[in-house]
Structures are given as structure tokens and as C-alpha cells.
Protein backbone atom coordinates (compact mmCIF):
# COMPACT_ATOMS: atom_id res chain seq x y z
CA MET A 1 54.59 -106.21 -84.99
CA GLY A 2 55.25 -104.66 -88.02
CA ARG A 3 51.88 -103.53 -88.98
CA PRO A 4 51.00 -100.79 -86.88
CA GLU A 5 54.76 -99.07 -87.99
CA ALA A 6 53.24 -99.74 -91.64
CA VAL A 7 49.97 -97.72 -91.59
CA ASP A 8 51.41 -95.18 -89.34
CA LEU A 9 54.12 -94.57 -92.22
CA ILE A 10 51.20 -94.33 -94.54
CA GLU A 11 49.67 -91.87 -93.07
CA ALA A 12 52.67 -90.09 -92.31
CA SER A 13 53.59 -90.02 -96.27
CA LYS A 14 50.71 -88.64 -97.19
CA GLY A 15 51.04 -85.27 -94.47
CA THR A 16 52.66 -82.30 -95.23
CA ASP A 17 56.05 -82.73 -92.60
CA ARG A 18 58.60 -84.60 -94.87
CA ALA A 19 61.59 -84.58 -92.79
CA LYS A 20 59.54 -86.30 -89.91
CA PHE A 21 58.28 -88.65 -92.62
CA LEU A 22 62.01 -89.67 -93.65
CA ARG A 23 63.11 -89.64 -90.12
CA SER A 24 60.85 -92.62 -89.29
CA LEU A 25 61.04 -94.00 -92.73
CA LEU A 26 65.08 -94.29 -92.66
CA ASN A 27 65.25 -94.59 -88.76
CA GLY A 28 68.32 -97.18 -88.40
CA LEU A 29 70.07 -96.32 -91.14
CA ILE A 30 73.61 -97.13 -91.11
CA TYR A 31 77.06 -97.30 -93.88
CA ASP A 32 80.00 -98.14 -93.55
CA GLY A 33 80.06 -96.95 -90.06
CA TYR A 34 78.33 -93.14 -91.40
CA ARG A 35 74.99 -93.01 -89.19
CA PHE A 36 72.36 -91.06 -89.79
CA PRO A 37 70.36 -89.79 -87.07
CA THR A 38 67.12 -88.70 -86.30
CA SER A 39 67.77 -85.20 -84.43
CA GLY A 40 70.83 -82.67 -84.18
CA ASN A 41 72.08 -79.47 -85.69
CA ASP A 42 74.04 -80.86 -88.51
CA GLY A 43 73.98 -84.82 -89.23
CA ILE A 44 70.39 -85.43 -89.43
CA ILE A 45 68.12 -87.35 -91.57
CA GLY A 46 65.46 -84.91 -93.45
CA PRO A 47 64.81 -83.71 -97.54
CA PHE A 48 69.25 -83.67 -97.46
CA THR A 49 70.19 -85.91 -95.51
CA ILE A 50 73.68 -85.75 -93.45
CA SER A 51 75.62 -88.17 -91.66
CA ARG A 52 76.94 -87.75 -88.03
CA ALA A 53 80.25 -86.52 -88.39
CA MET A 54 83.25 -89.08 -88.48
CA ALA A 55 86.90 -88.19 -86.99
CA LEU A 56 89.82 -88.59 -89.68
CA PHE A 57 93.66 -87.93 -88.13
CA LEU A 58 95.06 -86.24 -90.72
CA ARG A 59 98.92 -87.90 -91.27
CA LYS A 60 101.95 -86.90 -93.18
CA ARG A 61 104.25 -89.32 -95.52
CA ASN A 62 107.48 -89.84 -94.06
CA GLY A 63 109.86 -88.59 -96.71
CA GLY A 64 107.85 -86.62 -99.14
CA ASN A 65 105.66 -88.30 -101.45
CA GLY A 66 105.83 -92.11 -101.88
CA GLY A 67 106.94 -92.31 -98.48
CA GLY A 68 105.17 -94.80 -95.41
CA TRP A 69 102.38 -92.74 -93.23
CA SER A 70 104.05 -91.24 -90.03
CA THR A 71 102.60 -92.82 -86.83
CA GLN A 72 102.30 -89.10 -85.48
CA LEU A 73 98.59 -87.76 -84.41
CA HIS A 74 98.53 -84.27 -83.92
CA ASP A 75 94.98 -84.51 -82.50
CA THR A 76 94.04 -87.26 -80.56
CA HIS A 77 90.21 -87.01 -81.75
CA GLY A 78 91.20 -85.93 -84.97
CA LEU A 79 91.47 -83.14 -86.98
CA LEU A 80 89.10 -83.50 -90.03
CA ALA A 81 85.69 -84.77 -89.67
CA ALA A 82 83.65 -86.16 -92.50
CA HIS A 83 80.28 -86.33 -93.59
CA LEU A 84 78.21 -88.59 -96.32
CA ASN A 85 75.15 -86.48 -97.49
CA PHE A 86 72.28 -86.61 -100.23
CA GLY A 87 69.09 -85.68 -101.65
CA ILE A 88 66.58 -87.83 -100.76
CA ASP A 89 62.87 -87.15 -101.83
CA VAL A 90 60.02 -89.86 -101.48
CA GLY A 91 56.34 -90.24 -102.94
CA GLN A 92 53.73 -91.62 -100.83
CA ILE A 93 53.45 -95.29 -99.65
CA ARG A 94 50.26 -96.94 -101.26
CA GLY A 95 51.32 -100.06 -100.51
CA GLY A 96 49.79 -103.62 -103.28
CA THR A 97 51.62 -103.18 -106.21
CA ASN A 98 52.27 -100.02 -106.02
CA PRO A 99 55.93 -98.69 -105.97
CA LEU A 100 57.48 -96.29 -103.36
CA GLN A 101 58.82 -93.99 -105.33
CA VAL A 102 62.90 -93.14 -103.56
CA ASN A 103 64.52 -89.70 -105.87
CA LEU A 104 68.06 -89.91 -105.01
CA ARG A 105 69.96 -86.44 -105.21
CA LEU A 106 73.70 -84.68 -104.61
CA LEU A 107 75.47 -88.10 -103.21
CA HIS A 108 78.84 -86.27 -102.02
CA ILE A 109 81.42 -86.89 -99.15
CA THR A 110 82.22 -83.53 -97.24
CA VAL A 111 85.68 -83.17 -94.61
CA ARG A 112 86.03 -80.16 -92.57
CA ARG A 113 88.04 -79.66 -89.88
CA ARG A 114 86.52 -81.08 -86.88
CA LYS A 115 86.86 -77.87 -84.55
CA CYS A 116 84.70 -76.11 -87.05
CA GLN A 117 82.34 -79.17 -86.72
CA LEU A 118 81.74 -78.70 -83.45
CA THR A 119 80.90 -74.98 -84.25
CA ILE A 120 77.96 -76.35 -86.47
CA ASP A 121 76.85 -78.91 -83.72
CA GLU A 122 76.57 -76.18 -80.99
CA ASN A 123 75.32 -73.18 -83.29
CA GLY A 124 74.52 -74.61 -87.08
CA PRO A 125 76.34 -74.09 -90.48
CA THR A 126 77.54 -70.72 -91.41
CA GLY A 127 79.40 -69.08 -94.24
CA GLU A 128 82.32 -68.99 -92.46
CA THR A 129 82.44 -72.68 -91.91
CA ALA A 130 81.37 -73.67 -95.48
CA ALA A 131 84.11 -71.70 -96.81
CA GLU A 132 86.27 -74.38 -95.24
CA SER A 133 84.66 -77.40 -96.18
CA ILE A 134 85.73 -79.46 -98.79
CA HIS A 135 83.45 -81.94 -100.79
CA MET A 136 83.93 -85.01 -103.18
CA ASN A 137 81.66 -86.76 -105.33
CA ARG A 138 81.69 -89.84 -108.49
CA ASN A 139 82.14 -87.10 -110.68
CA THR A 140 84.06 -84.03 -109.01
CA GLN A 141 87.66 -84.16 -107.06
CA TRP A 142 88.73 -83.07 -103.69
CA ASP A 143 90.14 -79.77 -105.29
CA GLY A 144 87.41 -79.04 -107.40
CA ARG A 145 87.07 -75.84 -105.00
CA ARG A 146 90.09 -74.62 -104.80
CA ARG A 147 89.84 -71.70 -102.27
CA ASN A 148 87.85 -73.84 -99.79
CA LEU A 149 90.68 -75.87 -99.98
CA ASP A 150 93.23 -72.83 -99.31
CA THR A 151 91.22 -71.94 -96.59
CA LEU A 152 90.80 -75.30 -94.71
CA VAL A 153 95.07 -75.31 -94.78
CA GLU A 154 95.05 -72.12 -93.76
CA LYS A 155 92.74 -72.90 -90.62
CA LEU A 156 95.01 -76.06 -89.93
CA GLU A 157 97.80 -73.68 -89.54
CA THR A 158 96.37 -70.98 -87.52
CA GLN A 159 93.62 -72.56 -85.85
CA ASP A 160 95.07 -75.73 -85.13
CA GLN A 161 99.24 -75.23 -85.14
CA VAL A 162 99.75 -77.94 -88.15
CA LYS A 163 101.00 -77.12 -91.40
CA PHE A 164 99.77 -79.40 -93.97
CA THR A 165 99.53 -78.12 -98.17
CA ALA A 166 96.80 -78.26 -100.22
CA ASP A 167 98.57 -81.74 -102.10
CA GLU A 168 98.93 -83.05 -98.73
CA VAL A 169 95.53 -82.77 -97.50
CA VAL A 170 94.07 -84.28 -100.69
CA ASP A 171 96.99 -87.16 -100.82
CA TYR A 172 95.31 -87.86 -97.25
CA LEU A 173 92.18 -88.21 -98.20
CA SER A 174 92.70 -90.14 -101.45
CA THR A 175 95.35 -92.45 -100.86
CA TYR A 176 95.41 -93.27 -97.00
CA GLU A 177 91.36 -92.87 -95.84
CA GLY A 178 90.62 -93.97 -100.02
CA LEU A 179 88.32 -90.92 -100.28
CA THR A 180 88.44 -91.12 -104.05
CA GLN A 181 85.76 -91.34 -107.06
CA SER A 182 85.86 -95.30 -106.63
CA TYR A 183 84.71 -94.69 -103.47
CA MET A 184 82.05 -92.97 -103.86
CA ALA A 185 80.66 -95.07 -106.65
CA ARG A 186 80.99 -98.04 -104.45
CA THR A 187 78.83 -95.91 -101.81
CA ALA A 188 76.22 -95.09 -104.31
CA THR A 189 75.37 -98.86 -104.91
CA LYS A 190 75.91 -100.09 -101.41
CA LEU A 191 74.26 -97.37 -99.56
CA LYS A 192 70.94 -97.00 -102.27
CA GLU A 193 71.45 -101.20 -100.95
CA ALA A 194 70.75 -99.70 -97.17
CA ILE A 195 68.31 -97.48 -97.84
CA GLU A 196 65.67 -99.89 -99.49
CA HIS A 197 66.94 -102.34 -96.43
CA THR A 198 66.19 -100.03 -93.71
CA ILE A 199 62.70 -98.62 -95.43
CA HIS A 200 62.11 -102.31 -95.57
CA ILE A 201 62.09 -102.90 -91.95
CA ASN A 202 60.66 -99.82 -91.34
CA ALA A 203 57.86 -100.03 -93.25
CA GLY A 204 57.17 -103.65 -91.63
CA GLY A 205 57.81 -105.24 -95.43
CA GLY A 206 56.24 -105.46 -98.51
CA VAL A 207 56.97 -102.37 -100.07
CA PHE A 208 58.89 -102.51 -103.59
CA VAL A 209 61.17 -99.23 -103.91
CA LYS A 210 61.45 -97.70 -107.16
CA PHE A 211 64.84 -95.34 -107.23
CA ASP A 212 65.57 -92.84 -109.45
CA GLU A 213 69.17 -90.96 -109.41
CA ASP A 214 70.82 -87.87 -110.96
CA THR A 215 74.21 -87.54 -112.16
CA ALA A 216 75.92 -87.84 -108.36
CA TRP A 217 74.62 -91.26 -107.60
CA SER A 218 74.97 -92.87 -111.22
CA GLY A 219 78.17 -91.33 -112.14
CA ARG A 220 76.38 -90.72 -115.77
């Protein structure tokens, strides 16, 4: 059953529609609950691959720093949405002992307001939606783009009617959700394994994958 699919992928790998090829090659990719779909305005497999958004609820600590986490949910659908993102470039499938070159770039996680994400899902991204999006990889911190973090906090207050400080947002993401540089280091290893496994399934086996990574993946 796998042979016709493998032949189709070999031919697709020679074509010019790289997004279509990647969606066939990585169809079914999932890591840590993040699913990578083959269609949609945002959250789609392609040369720059974005997972489907995962809801995050955003909580405050009881009694300030060091306290336990409040059980109050300000929005039952989640105030925030998170994506895993990475760039991928794949060579031709030649078969035999020839490796399939897979170049991985720009692995990071993005967080924005969930309602902002719904706007992107309907109309695509804009400069305004980008302005309230914050990012982190294994070499950077959540507050690396301070203006974006401040805009996110402002939009939470004016659009969602909830008040959080920038430090509270970063504390929640890092401590409660565990979205840290260590998490991204584990993600780089485990997501790469998931990519290789998915390629083997979709190509019908018999494909030797050779990876090349940038510093966002390797940490070096």
C-alpha cells in the first residue's frame, strides 16, 4: 500500500509546488498536542510551517509572586493562543542510499490573544496582529520584543477587559505552562524525531533523512 504514495512523493519532490509537496510529506505531523494541518489561513504546513493554535487560559498568582495559581478563568475558551513555528526546506527524494536533505530553521513558539488569533484565522495576519504577538526560542526570552509584550498586555486590558502586567504574563507562560528555553530544547529534539517518523510513514519507508539545523534548533 505504501509504494504508490512513495512514488507520488518522489514525483512531487521534483516539482515546483513546494508547499503541496511538504503537505503530503508531513501530513499527520503532531508534537506535544500541537497539530500541523494541511489547510487554513494560519496554522498550516509549508516552507514556513505553523501549528494549529492551542488555547492558553492565563492565570494570576494568589498573593503575588511566589503564591499558588488562581483557579479563576477569565475566559472559558482561553485568553491566549500558542503556535509552534518552523521553517523547513526539503530536497528531492531520490531513493536508494541517497539521503533526503531536510533543512530546519527558525523554530520558535508564538503567543497572542485568542481573539486576535480568530481574526487571523478569518482574514489572515496583518501588521496589527503581529504587533501583539510575542515569541520565544531556545536562545531568546519572552520579553525579547518588549514593545510586542507591552502591546499584548494593553490589548488584554482594552479588548478583553482583564488586567495583567507584562511580568505576570511572562511568569504564567514560563512557570505555569512551562514554555521555557529548556522546553524549546526538548522540542527541537522530539519534533525532529516526529518529522522523521512522519516522513517515513508518508514515503512508505526506505527514506534516509539527513537534517541540517540553524541555531534556533541546535542552540549553538
